[in-house]
Amino acid sequence: MQLTHEQIAPSLSYPEYLSLVESLYAQGKSSRSVESLNTPEMLEYVKMNLHRMHRLDKTCALLPEVQAHLAAMAKPELWICLSEGWCGDASQIVPVLHKIADGSGGKIQLRILLRDEHLDLMDQFLTNGGRAVPKVIKLDPDTLQVIGEWGPRPVAAQEMVLEFKRKSQENPDAIKYKDMVAAIHKWYADDHTVSIQRESLMGRN
């Protein structure tokens, strides 16, 4: 599979993406393109997500094994990440992807596309039939040929989400969504970005 220059042309750098999320939040918006998402509840999510991103920008450090892998990379890669500022998983993951790209010495270029403005692309990279983000599409930077993909979250976190969905289907009152969200973010905090770094770059946990 191959992407086109037209598809990736609107992509943003991580600083541009973060600035956009901040700007939308200041305008009372959680989405640039989906008006129904601009609710007080979603804005509260964005507020927390911005806090998470700023914290990770300051605290995330690359693992020695990740640094070694980056140093040994023979070919450059272009990572196109589908994301949205209202997504809690994205707030935990995208800053780490930026840290990896920043530490690659130019071998990895990270560019971000807003999912809701590129559904045609998103629908080619569904997760269990859903438009889950963040989703990383790894490309050969010269040919734009797809060489891999990762996301929307590390294996252990994905298993937690799938178990939550299973229990919710069996008994809708078994677990509250907000409790599951809290559990997922606790998992991210306890993992200290280790799984994100290992799995997104090296494909292993």
N, C-alpha and C. Protein backbone atom coordinates (compact mmCIF):
# COMPACT_ATOMS: atom_id res chain seq x y z
N MET A 1 0.83 -1.19 0.00
CA MET A 1 0.00 0.00 0.00
C MET A 1 0.87 1.24 0.00
N GLN A 2 0.39 2.27 -0.64
CA GLN A 2 1.17 3.49 -0.79
C GLN A 2 0.30 4.72 -0.53
N LEU A 3 0.81 5.69 0.23
CA LEU A 3 0.11 6.94 0.42
C LEU A 3 0.55 7.94 -0.64
N THR A 4 -0.15 9.05 -0.71
CA THR A 4 0.19 10.09 -1.69
C THR A 4 0.68 11.34 -0.98
N HIS A 5 1.36 12.18 -1.73
CA HIS A 5 1.82 13.45 -1.16
C HIS A 5 0.63 14.33 -0.79
N GLU A 6 -0.45 14.20 -1.53
CA GLU A 6 -1.65 14.98 -1.23
C GLU A 6 -2.25 14.58 0.12
N GLN A 7 -2.18 13.30 0.44
CA GLN A 7 -2.72 12.83 1.71
C GLN A 7 -1.94 13.35 2.91
N ILE A 8 -0.64 13.43 2.77
CA ILE A 8 0.17 13.81 3.92
C ILE A 8 0.50 15.30 3.95
N ALA A 9 0.16 16.03 2.88
CA ALA A 9 0.48 17.46 2.81
C ALA A 9 -0.06 18.27 3.99
N PRO A 10 -1.29 17.98 4.49
CA PRO A 10 -1.81 18.80 5.60
C PRO A 10 -1.25 18.42 6.97
N SER A 11 -0.32 17.47 7.02
CA SER A 11 0.17 16.97 8.30
C SER A 11 0.91 18.05 9.09
N LEU A 12 0.93 17.88 10.40
CA LEU A 12 1.52 18.83 11.33
C LEU A 12 2.72 18.22 12.04
N SER A 13 3.65 19.06 12.41
CA SER A 13 4.70 18.63 13.34
C SER A 13 4.07 18.51 14.73
N TYR A 14 4.77 17.87 15.65
CA TYR A 14 4.23 17.77 17.01
C TYR A 14 4.02 19.15 17.65
N PRO A 15 4.99 20.07 17.57
CA PRO A 15 4.73 21.40 18.15
C PRO A 15 3.52 22.08 17.52
N GLU A 16 3.33 21.91 16.22
CA GLU A 16 2.17 22.50 15.55
C GLU A 16 0.88 21.85 16.04
N TYR A 17 0.91 20.55 16.20
CA TYR A 17 -0.26 19.81 16.70
C TYR A 17 -0.62 20.27 18.12
N LEU A 18 0.38 20.34 18.99
CA LEU A 18 0.14 20.77 20.36
C LEU A 18 -0.40 22.19 20.40
N SER A 19 0.16 23.06 19.59
CA SER A 19 -0.32 24.44 19.52
C SER A 19 -1.76 24.51 19.04
N LEU A 20 -2.12 23.66 18.08
CA LEU A 20 -3.48 23.63 17.57
C LEU A 20 -4.46 23.18 18.66
N VAL A 21 -4.11 22.13 19.39
CA VAL A 21 -4.98 21.64 20.47
C VAL A 21 -5.17 22.72 21.52
N GLU A 22 -4.10 23.43 21.85
CA GLU A 22 -4.18 24.52 22.83
C GLU A 22 -5.06 25.65 22.31
N SER A 23 -4.90 25.99 21.04
CA SER A 23 -5.68 27.07 20.44
C SER A 23 -7.17 26.72 20.41
N LEU A 24 -7.49 25.50 20.02
CA LEU A 24 -8.89 25.08 20.00
C LEU A 24 -9.49 25.11 21.39
N TYR A 25 -8.72 24.64 22.36
CA TYR A 25 -9.21 24.64 23.75
C TYR A 25 -9.50 26.07 24.21
N ALA A 26 -8.63 27.00 23.86
CA ALA A 26 -8.82 28.40 24.24
C ALA A 26 -10.09 28.97 23.60
N GLN A 27 -10.48 28.40 22.47
CA GLN A 27 -11.71 28.83 21.79
C GLN A 27 -12.94 28.07 22.27
N GLY A 28 -12.76 27.20 23.24
CA GLY A 28 -13.87 26.40 23.75
C GLY A 28 -14.22 25.23 22.84
N LYS A 29 -13.21 24.73 22.12
CA LYS A 29 -13.44 23.63 21.19
C LYS A 29 -12.52 22.45 21.51
N SER A 30 -13.05 21.25 21.30
CA SER A 30 -12.22 20.05 21.41
C SER A 30 -11.94 19.47 20.04
N SER A 31 -12.68 19.93 19.02
CA SER A 31 -12.51 19.44 17.66
C SER A 31 -12.59 20.60 16.68
N ARG A 32 -11.77 20.53 15.63
CA ARG A 32 -11.81 21.57 14.60
C ARG A 32 -12.89 21.31 13.57
N SER A 33 -13.34 20.04 13.46
CA SER A 33 -14.22 19.70 12.35
C SER A 33 -15.54 19.05 12.75
N VAL A 34 -15.66 18.56 14.00
CA VAL A 34 -16.88 17.88 14.44
C VAL A 34 -17.52 18.69 15.56
N GLU A 35 -18.54 19.46 15.19
CA GLU A 35 -19.16 20.38 16.14
C GLU A 35 -19.76 19.66 17.34
N SER A 36 -20.27 18.45 17.13
CA SER A 36 -20.91 17.71 18.22
C SER A 36 -19.93 17.32 19.32
N LEU A 37 -18.64 17.40 19.04
CA LEU A 37 -17.63 17.07 20.05
C LEU A 37 -17.26 18.28 20.91
N ASN A 38 -17.74 19.44 20.57
CA ASN A 38 -17.40 20.65 21.31
C ASN A 38 -18.36 20.85 22.49
N THR A 39 -18.23 19.95 23.45
CA THR A 39 -19.09 19.95 24.64
C THR A 39 -18.24 20.21 25.88
N PRO A 40 -18.85 20.64 26.98
CA PRO A 40 -18.09 20.84 28.22
C PRO A 40 -17.38 19.58 28.68
N GLU A 41 -18.02 18.43 28.51
CA GLU A 41 -17.39 17.17 28.93
C GLU A 41 -16.13 16.90 28.11
N MET A 42 -16.21 17.08 26.79
CA MET A 42 -15.05 16.85 25.95
C MET A 42 -13.96 17.88 26.21
N LEU A 43 -14.35 19.11 26.52
CA LEU A 43 -13.36 20.13 26.84
C LEU A 43 -12.59 19.78 28.11
N GLU A 44 -13.27 19.15 29.04
CA GLU A 44 -12.59 18.71 30.26
C GLU A 44 -11.56 17.64 29.94
N TYR A 45 -11.89 16.75 28.99
CA TYR A 45 -10.92 15.74 28.54
C TYR A 45 -9.70 16.43 27.92
N VAL A 46 -9.95 17.44 27.08
CA VAL A 46 -8.85 18.14 26.42
C VAL A 46 -7.97 18.82 27.45
N LYS A 47 -8.58 19.41 28.46
CA LYS A 47 -7.81 20.06 29.52
C LYS A 47 -6.86 19.07 30.18
N MET A 48 -7.36 17.89 30.53
CA MET A 48 -6.53 16.86 31.14
C MET A 48 -5.46 16.36 30.16
N ASN A 49 -5.85 16.23 28.88
CA ASN A 49 -4.91 15.75 27.89
C ASN A 49 -3.75 16.72 27.69
N LEU A 50 -4.04 18.01 27.69
CA LEU A 50 -2.98 19.00 27.56
C LEU A 50 -2.02 18.91 28.75
N HIS A 51 -2.58 18.71 29.92
CA HIS A 51 -1.73 18.55 31.11
C HIS A 51 -0.81 17.34 30.95
N ARG A 52 -1.37 16.24 30.45
CA ARG A 52 -0.57 15.02 30.27
C ARG A 52 0.53 15.25 29.24
N MET A 53 0.20 15.90 28.13
CA MET A 53 1.20 16.11 27.09
C MET A 53 2.34 17.00 27.57
N HIS A 54 2.00 18.08 28.28
CA HIS A 54 3.03 18.96 28.80
C HIS A 54 3.91 18.24 29.83
N ARG A 55 3.29 17.39 30.64
CA ARG A 55 4.07 16.63 31.63
C ARG A 55 5.03 15.66 30.94
N LEU A 56 4.54 14.94 29.94
CA LEU A 56 5.38 13.99 29.24
C LEU A 56 6.49 14.69 28.45
N ASP A 57 6.20 15.86 27.92
CA ASP A 57 7.23 16.62 27.23
C ASP A 57 8.43 16.87 28.15
N LYS A 58 8.15 17.03 29.44
CA LYS A 58 9.20 17.33 30.41
C LYS A 58 9.85 16.08 31.00
N THR A 59 9.07 15.00 31.13
CA THR A 59 9.55 13.86 31.92
C THR A 59 9.96 12.64 31.11
N CYS A 60 9.47 12.50 29.87
CA CYS A 60 9.75 11.29 29.10
C CYS A 60 11.23 11.23 28.71
N ALA A 61 11.87 10.11 29.03
CA ALA A 61 13.27 9.88 28.66
C ALA A 61 13.35 8.56 27.89
N LEU A 62 14.12 8.55 26.83
CA LEU A 62 14.24 7.35 26.02
C LEU A 62 15.00 6.25 26.74
N LEU A 63 14.51 5.03 26.61
CA LEU A 63 15.17 3.87 27.19
C LEU A 63 16.51 3.64 26.48
N PRO A 64 17.52 3.12 27.19
CA PRO A 64 18.80 2.83 26.54
C PRO A 64 18.66 1.91 25.34
N GLU A 65 17.77 0.90 25.43
CA GLU A 65 17.59 -0.02 24.30
C GLU A 65 16.96 0.69 23.10
N VAL A 66 16.11 1.68 23.37
CA VAL A 66 15.51 2.46 22.29
C VAL A 66 16.56 3.35 21.64
N GLN A 67 17.40 3.95 22.45
CA GLN A 67 18.47 4.77 21.91
C GLN A 67 19.40 3.93 21.04
N ALA A 68 19.70 2.71 21.48
CA ALA A 68 20.56 1.82 20.71
C ALA A 68 19.91 1.43 19.39
N HIS A 69 18.60 1.16 19.44
CA HIS A 69 17.88 0.79 18.23
C HIS A 69 17.88 1.95 17.24
N LEU A 70 17.65 3.14 17.72
CA LEU A 70 17.66 4.32 16.85
C LEU A 70 19.03 4.52 16.21
N ALA A 71 20.08 4.33 17.00
CA ALA A 71 21.44 4.51 16.48
C ALA A 71 21.77 3.49 15.39
N ALA A 72 21.15 2.30 15.49
CA ALA A 72 21.45 1.23 14.55
C ALA A 72 20.55 1.23 13.31
N MET A 73 19.54 2.11 13.29
CA MET A 73 18.63 2.15 12.15
C MET A 73 19.39 2.48 10.87
N ALA A 74 19.17 1.64 9.85
CA ALA A 74 19.88 1.84 8.59
C ALA A 74 19.10 2.71 7.61
N LYS A 75 17.77 2.67 7.71
CA LYS A 75 16.94 3.41 6.75
C LYS A 75 16.02 4.38 7.49
N PRO A 76 15.82 5.56 6.94
CA PRO A 76 14.90 6.53 7.56
C PRO A 76 13.45 6.09 7.39
N GLU A 77 12.60 6.59 8.25
CA GLU A 77 11.17 6.29 8.20
C GLU A 77 10.37 7.57 8.39
N LEU A 78 9.22 7.63 7.76
CA LEU A 78 8.27 8.72 7.95
C LEU A 78 7.07 8.15 8.69
N TRP A 79 6.78 8.69 9.86
CA TRP A 79 5.65 8.21 10.66
C TRP A 79 4.51 9.21 10.54
N ILE A 80 3.39 8.76 9.98
CA ILE A 80 2.18 9.57 9.93
C ILE A 80 1.26 9.09 11.04
N CYS A 81 0.96 9.97 11.97
CA CYS A 81 0.14 9.60 13.12
C CYS A 81 -1.24 10.25 13.02
N LEU A 82 -2.26 9.43 12.99
CA LEU A 82 -3.65 9.92 13.04
C LEU A 82 -4.02 10.12 14.51
N SER A 83 -4.47 11.31 14.85
CA SER A 83 -4.70 11.62 16.26
C SER A 83 -5.79 12.69 16.37
N GLU A 84 -6.20 12.94 17.61
CA GLU A 84 -7.12 14.04 17.95
C GLU A 84 -6.82 14.50 19.38
N GLY A 85 -6.98 15.79 19.62
CA GLY A 85 -6.67 16.33 20.93
C GLY A 85 -7.56 15.85 22.05
N TRP A 86 -8.77 15.38 21.70
CA TRP A 86 -9.70 14.91 22.74
C TRP A 86 -9.43 13.48 23.17
N CYS A 87 -8.52 12.80 22.48
CA CYS A 87 -8.27 11.38 22.75
C CYS A 87 -7.28 11.20 23.90
N GLY A 88 -7.72 10.52 24.94
CA GLY A 88 -6.86 10.30 26.10
C GLY A 88 -5.64 9.46 25.78
N ASP A 89 -5.81 8.39 25.00
CA ASP A 89 -4.66 7.57 24.63
C ASP A 89 -3.64 8.39 23.84
N ALA A 90 -4.12 9.24 22.95
CA ALA A 90 -3.21 10.06 22.16
C ALA A 90 -2.38 10.97 23.05
N SER A 91 -2.99 11.48 24.10
CA SER A 91 -2.26 12.38 24.99
C SER A 91 -1.12 11.66 25.71
N GLN A 92 -1.26 10.36 25.91
CA GLN A 92 -0.23 9.57 26.57
C GLN A 92 0.84 9.09 25.58
N ILE A 93 0.48 8.99 24.32
CA ILE A 93 1.34 8.34 23.34
C ILE A 93 2.06 9.30 22.41
N VAL A 94 1.35 10.30 21.87
CA VAL A 94 1.95 11.17 20.86
C VAL A 94 3.20 11.90 21.37
N PRO A 95 3.23 12.39 22.61
CA PRO A 95 4.48 13.01 23.08
C PRO A 95 5.65 12.04 23.10
N VAL A 96 5.37 10.77 23.36
CA VAL A 96 6.44 9.77 23.38
C VAL A 96 6.93 9.51 21.96
N LEU A 97 6.02 9.46 21.00
CA LEU A 97 6.42 9.31 19.61
C LEU A 97 7.31 10.47 19.18
N HIS A 98 6.95 11.67 19.63
CA HIS A 98 7.76 12.84 19.33
C HIS A 98 9.15 12.71 19.93
N LYS A 99 9.21 12.21 21.16
CA LYS A 99 10.50 12.04 21.82
C LYS A 99 11.37 11.04 21.05
N ILE A 100 10.75 9.96 20.57
CA ILE A 100 11.48 8.97 19.78
C ILE A 100 12.01 9.59 18.50
N ALA A 101 11.13 10.29 17.79
CA ALA A 101 11.55 10.92 16.53
C ALA A 101 12.65 11.95 16.78
N ASP A 102 12.49 12.73 17.84
CA ASP A 102 13.46 13.77 18.16
C ASP A 102 14.82 13.18 18.50
N GLY A 103 14.79 11.97 19.09
CA GLY A 103 16.04 11.32 19.48
C GLY A 103 16.64 10.45 18.39
N SER A 104 16.03 10.45 17.22
CA SER A 104 16.50 9.57 16.15
C SER A 104 17.58 10.20 15.27
N GLY A 105 17.89 11.47 15.52
CA GLY A 105 18.89 12.13 14.69
C GLY A 105 18.44 12.31 13.25
N GLY A 106 17.12 12.48 13.07
CA GLY A 106 16.59 12.70 11.73
C GLY A 106 16.20 11.43 10.99
N LYS A 107 16.41 10.27 11.60
CA LYS A 107 16.06 9.01 10.94
C LYS A 107 14.55 8.78 10.90
N ILE A 108 13.84 9.32 11.89
CA ILE A 108 12.39 9.21 11.93
C ILE A 108 11.81 10.61 11.90
N GLN A 109 10.89 10.82 10.97
CA GLN A 109 10.16 12.09 10.91
C GLN A 109 8.72 11.81 11.32
N LEU A 110 8.23 12.51 12.31
CA LEU A 110 6.86 12.34 12.79
C LEU A 110 5.99 13.48 12.28
N ARG A 111 4.89 13.12 11.63
CA ARG A 111 3.90 14.08 11.16
C ARG A 111 2.53 13.61 11.62
N ILE A 112 1.66 14.56 11.96
CA ILE A 112 0.37 14.24 12.57
C ILE A 112 -0.77 14.76 11.72
N LEU A 113 -1.76 13.91 11.50
CA LEU A 113 -2.99 14.28 10.81
C LEU A 113 -4.16 14.14 11.76
N LEU A 114 -5.10 15.07 11.70
CA LEU A 114 -6.30 14.98 12.52
C LEU A 114 -7.22 13.90 11.93
N ARG A 115 -7.56 12.94 12.76
CA ARG A 115 -8.36 11.81 12.29
C ARG A 115 -9.66 12.23 11.62
N ASP A 116 -10.39 13.12 12.26
CA ASP A 116 -11.73 13.45 11.78
C ASP A 116 -11.72 14.26 10.49
N GLU A 117 -10.57 14.72 10.08
CA GLU A 117 -10.45 15.43 8.81
C GLU A 117 -9.85 14.54 7.71
N HIS A 118 -9.55 13.28 8.09
CA HIS A 118 -8.93 12.35 7.13
C HIS A 118 -9.50 10.94 7.33
N LEU A 119 -10.82 10.87 7.32
CA LEU A 119 -11.48 9.59 7.57
C LEU A 119 -11.23 8.58 6.45
N ASP A 120 -11.00 9.07 5.24
CA ASP A 120 -10.70 8.15 4.15
C ASP A 120 -9.42 7.38 4.42
N LEU A 121 -8.43 8.07 4.98
CA LEU A 121 -7.18 7.40 5.36
C LEU A 121 -7.38 6.55 6.61
N MET A 122 -8.07 7.10 7.60
CA MET A 122 -8.33 6.36 8.83
C MET A 122 -9.00 5.02 8.55
N ASP A 123 -9.93 5.02 7.62
CA ASP A 123 -10.69 3.80 7.35
C ASP A 123 -9.87 2.71 6.68
N GLN A 124 -8.67 3.04 6.30
CA GLN A 124 -7.76 2.01 5.77
C GLN A 124 -6.90 1.40 6.87
N PHE A 125 -7.03 1.93 8.08
CA PHE A 125 -6.20 1.46 9.19
C PHE A 125 -7.05 1.30 10.46
N LEU A 126 -8.16 0.62 10.32
CA LEU A 126 -9.07 0.41 11.45
C LEU A 126 -8.50 -0.61 12.44
N THR A 127 -8.99 -0.52 13.66
CA THR A 127 -8.64 -1.49 14.70
C THR A 127 -9.91 -2.20 15.12
N ASN A 128 -10.01 -3.48 14.80
CA ASN A 128 -11.22 -4.25 15.09
C ASN A 128 -12.46 -3.55 14.54
N GLY A 129 -12.31 -2.94 13.38
CA GLY A 129 -13.43 -2.25 12.74
C GLY A 129 -13.69 -0.85 13.23
N GLY A 130 -12.89 -0.36 14.18
CA GLY A 130 -13.12 0.96 14.75
C GLY A 130 -12.03 1.96 14.38
N ARG A 131 -12.38 3.24 14.44
CA ARG A 131 -11.46 4.32 14.10
C ARG A 131 -10.64 4.76 15.31
N ALA A 132 -10.00 3.83 15.96
CA ALA A 132 -9.26 4.12 17.18
C ALA A 132 -7.95 4.85 16.88
N VAL A 133 -7.66 5.84 17.69
CA VAL A 133 -6.41 6.59 17.56
C VAL A 133 -5.73 6.66 18.93
N PRO A 134 -4.40 6.94 18.91
CA PRO A 134 -3.57 7.28 17.77
C PRO A 134 -3.18 6.05 16.96
N LYS A 135 -3.05 6.24 15.68
CA LYS A 135 -2.63 5.18 14.77
C LYS A 135 -1.43 5.68 13.99
N VAL A 136 -0.34 4.94 14.05
CA VAL A 136 0.90 5.32 13.38
C VAL A 136 1.05 4.50 12.10
N ILE A 137 1.20 5.19 10.99
CA ILE A 137 1.45 4.55 9.70
C ILE A 137 2.90 4.84 9.34
N LYS A 138 3.70 3.79 9.24
CA LYS A 138 5.12 3.95 8.97
C LYS A 138 5.36 3.84 7.46
N LEU A 139 6.05 4.83 6.91
CA LEU A 139 6.26 4.90 5.47
C LEU A 139 7.75 4.97 5.11
N ASP A 140 8.05 4.47 3.92
CA ASP A 140 9.33 4.78 3.30
C ASP A 140 9.24 6.24 2.85
N PRO A 141 10.12 7.11 3.33
CA PRO A 141 9.97 8.54 3.02
C PRO A 141 10.15 8.88 1.55
N ASP A 142 10.81 8.02 0.80
CA ASP A 142 11.04 8.29 -0.62
C ASP A 142 9.86 7.86 -1.48
N THR A 143 9.32 6.69 -1.20
CA THR A 143 8.24 6.14 -2.04
C THR A 143 6.86 6.30 -1.44
N LEU A 144 6.78 6.62 -0.12
CA LEU A 144 5.54 6.69 0.64
C LEU A 144 4.84 5.33 0.69
N GLN A 145 5.62 4.27 0.50
CA GLN A 145 5.10 2.91 0.64
C GLN A 145 4.95 2.61 2.13
N VAL A 146 3.82 1.98 2.50
CA VAL A 146 3.59 1.61 3.89
C VAL A 146 4.51 0.44 4.25
N ILE A 147 5.29 0.61 5.31
CA ILE A 147 6.20 -0.45 5.75
C ILE A 147 5.81 -1.00 7.11
N GLY A 148 4.79 -0.42 7.72
CA GLY A 148 4.33 -0.92 9.01
C GLY A 148 3.29 0.00 9.61
N GLU A 149 2.70 -0.45 10.70
CA GLU A 149 1.74 0.38 11.43
C GLU A 149 1.76 -0.02 12.89
N TRP A 150 1.32 0.90 13.74
CA TRP A 150 1.24 0.61 15.18
C TRP A 150 0.12 1.43 15.79
N GLY A 151 -0.46 0.88 16.84
CA GLY A 151 -1.49 1.58 17.59
C GLY A 151 -2.77 0.78 17.61
N PRO A 152 -3.76 1.29 18.31
CA PRO A 152 -3.86 2.61 18.93
C PRO A 152 -3.29 2.71 20.34
N ARG A 153 -2.83 1.60 20.89
CA ARG A 153 -2.27 1.63 22.24
C ARG A 153 -1.42 0.39 22.45
N PRO A 154 -0.57 0.35 23.48
CA PRO A 154 0.22 -0.84 23.75
C PRO A 154 -0.64 -2.07 24.00
N VAL A 155 -0.05 -3.25 23.84
CA VAL A 155 -0.79 -4.51 23.93
C VAL A 155 -1.55 -4.63 25.25
N ALA A 156 -0.88 -4.38 26.36
CA ALA A 156 -1.53 -4.55 27.66
C ALA A 156 -2.71 -3.61 27.84
N ALA A 157 -2.55 -2.37 27.39
CA ALA A 157 -3.66 -1.41 27.49
C ALA A 157 -4.80 -1.81 26.56
N GLN A 158 -4.46 -2.31 25.37
CA GLN A 158 -5.49 -2.75 24.44
C GLN A 158 -6.28 -3.93 25.02
N GLU A 159 -5.60 -4.83 25.69
CA GLU A 159 -6.28 -5.96 26.31
C GLU A 159 -7.23 -5.49 27.40
N MET A 160 -6.84 -4.45 28.15
CA MET A 160 -7.73 -3.89 29.17
C MET A 160 -9.00 -3.33 28.53
N VAL A 161 -8.84 -2.63 27.41
CA VAL A 161 -9.99 -2.05 26.73
C VAL A 161 -10.92 -3.14 26.20
N LEU A 162 -10.34 -4.17 25.61
CA LEU A 162 -11.15 -5.26 25.07
C LEU A 162 -11.90 -6.00 26.18
N GLU A 163 -11.25 -6.17 27.33
CA GLU A 163 -11.91 -6.82 28.46
C GLU A 163 -13.05 -5.95 28.98
N PHE A 164 -12.83 -4.64 29.01
CA PHE A 164 -13.88 -3.72 29.43
C PHE A 164 -15.09 -3.83 28.51
N LYS A 165 -14.83 -3.86 27.21
CA LYS A 165 -15.93 -3.95 26.25
C LYS A 165 -16.68 -5.27 26.40
N ARG A 166 -15.92 -6.34 26.64
CA ARG A 166 -16.56 -7.65 26.82
C ARG A 166 -17.47 -7.64 28.05
N LYS A 167 -16.98 -7.11 29.15
CA LYS A 167 -17.78 -7.07 30.38
C LYS A 167 -18.98 -6.15 30.22
N SER A 168 -18.80 -5.07 29.51
CA SER A 168 -19.90 -4.13 29.28
C SER A 168 -21.02 -4.77 28.47
N GLN A 169 -20.66 -5.60 27.52
CA GLN A 169 -21.66 -6.29 26.70
C GLN A 169 -22.40 -7.34 27.52
N GLU A 170 -21.67 -8.02 28.39
CA GLU A 170 -22.29 -9.06 29.22
C GLU A 170 -23.17 -8.46 30.30
N ASN A 171 -22.69 -7.35 30.87
CA ASN A 171 -23.43 -6.71 31.96
C ASN A 171 -23.13 -5.21 31.93
N PRO A 172 -23.99 -4.41 31.34
CA PRO A 172 -23.73 -2.96 31.21
C PRO A 172 -23.47 -2.26 32.54
N ASP A 173 -23.93 -2.85 33.64
CA ASP A 173 -23.74 -2.21 34.94
C ASP A 173 -22.50 -2.72 35.67
N ALA A 174 -21.73 -3.60 35.01
CA ALA A 174 -20.60 -4.24 35.68
C ALA A 174 -19.46 -3.26 35.96
N ILE A 175 -19.26 -2.31 35.08
CA ILE A 175 -18.17 -1.37 35.24
C ILE A 175 -18.53 -0.05 34.57
N LYS A 176 -18.19 1.04 35.22
CA LYS A 176 -18.50 2.35 34.67
C LYS A 176 -17.36 2.80 33.75
N TYR A 177 -17.73 3.49 32.68
CA TYR A 177 -16.75 3.92 31.69
C TYR A 177 -15.67 4.79 32.33
N LYS A 178 -16.08 5.71 33.21
CA LYS A 178 -15.10 6.61 33.82
C LYS A 178 -14.09 5.85 34.67
N ASP A 179 -14.55 4.74 35.27
CA ASP A 179 -13.63 3.93 36.07
C ASP A 179 -12.62 3.23 35.17
N MET A 180 -13.08 2.80 34.00
CA MET A 180 -12.19 2.16 33.06
C MET A 180 -11.16 3.16 32.53
N VAL A 181 -11.60 4.37 32.24
CA VAL A 181 -10.68 5.40 31.77
C VAL A 181 -9.61 5.67 32.83
N ALA A 182 -10.04 5.74 34.09
CA ALA A 182 -9.09 5.97 35.17
C ALA A 182 -8.09 4.82 35.28
N ALA A 183 -8.57 3.59 35.09
CA ALA A 183 -7.70 2.42 35.17
C ALA A 183 -6.66 2.43 34.04
N ILE A 184 -7.10 2.81 32.85
CA ILE A 184 -6.18 2.86 31.71
C ILE A 184 -5.10 3.91 31.96
N HIS A 185 -5.47 5.09 32.43
CA HIS A 185 -4.48 6.13 32.65
C HIS A 185 -3.55 5.79 33.82
N LYS A 186 -4.05 5.04 34.79
CA LYS A 186 -3.17 4.55 35.86
C LYS A 186 -2.15 3.58 35.28
N TRP A 187 -2.62 2.74 34.34
CA TRP A 187 -1.69 1.81 33.70
C TRP A 187 -0.59 2.57 32.97
N TYR A 188 -0.96 3.61 32.24
CA TYR A 188 0.04 4.42 31.55
C TYR A 188 1.04 5.00 32.54
N ALA A 189 0.54 5.52 33.64
CA ALA A 189 1.42 6.13 34.63
C ALA A 189 2.38 5.11 35.23
N ASP A 190 1.87 3.92 35.54
CA ASP A 190 2.70 2.88 36.13
C ASP A 190 3.73 2.32 35.13
N ASP A 191 3.39 2.37 33.85
CA ASP A 191 4.28 1.81 32.82
C ASP A 191 5.42 2.76 32.45
N HIS A 192 5.26 4.04 32.75
CA HIS A 192 6.33 5.03 32.53
C HIS A 192 6.81 5.07 31.07
N THR A 193 5.91 4.90 30.13
CA THR A 193 6.15 4.97 28.68
C THR A 193 6.99 3.82 28.13
N VAL A 194 7.33 2.84 28.97
CA VAL A 194 8.20 1.74 28.54
C VAL A 194 7.56 0.96 27.38
N SER A 195 6.30 0.57 27.53
CA SER A 195 5.65 -0.23 26.49
C SER A 195 5.47 0.57 25.21
N ILE A 196 5.12 1.84 25.34
CA ILE A 196 4.96 2.68 24.14
C ILE A 196 6.27 2.74 23.37
N GLN A 197 7.36 2.99 24.07
CA GLN A 197 8.65 3.10 23.40
C GLN A 197 9.03 1.80 22.71
N ARG A 198 8.94 0.70 23.44
CA ARG A 198 9.36 -0.59 22.88
C ARG A 198 8.48 -1.03 21.71
N GLU A 199 7.18 -0.94 21.90
CA GLU A 199 6.26 -1.49 20.90
C GLU A 199 6.16 -0.61 19.66
N SER A 200 6.11 0.69 19.84
CA SER A 200 5.96 1.57 18.66
C SER A 200 7.19 1.54 17.78
N LEU A 201 8.37 1.42 18.38
CA LEU A 201 9.59 1.45 17.60
C LEU A 201 10.07 0.07 17.18
N MET A 202 10.03 -0.88 18.12
CA MET A 202 10.64 -2.18 17.87
C MET A 202 9.64 -3.31 17.67
N GLY A 203 8.35 -2.99 17.87
CA GLY A 203 7.34 -3.99 17.65
C GLY A 203 7.31 -5.12 18.66
N ARG A 204 7.78 -4.85 19.87
CA ARG A 204 7.73 -5.88 20.90
C ARG A 204 7.42 -5.24 22.25
N ASN A 205 6.89 -6.08 23.18
CA ASN A 205 6.58 -5.57 24.51
C ASN A 205 7.57 -6.10 25.53
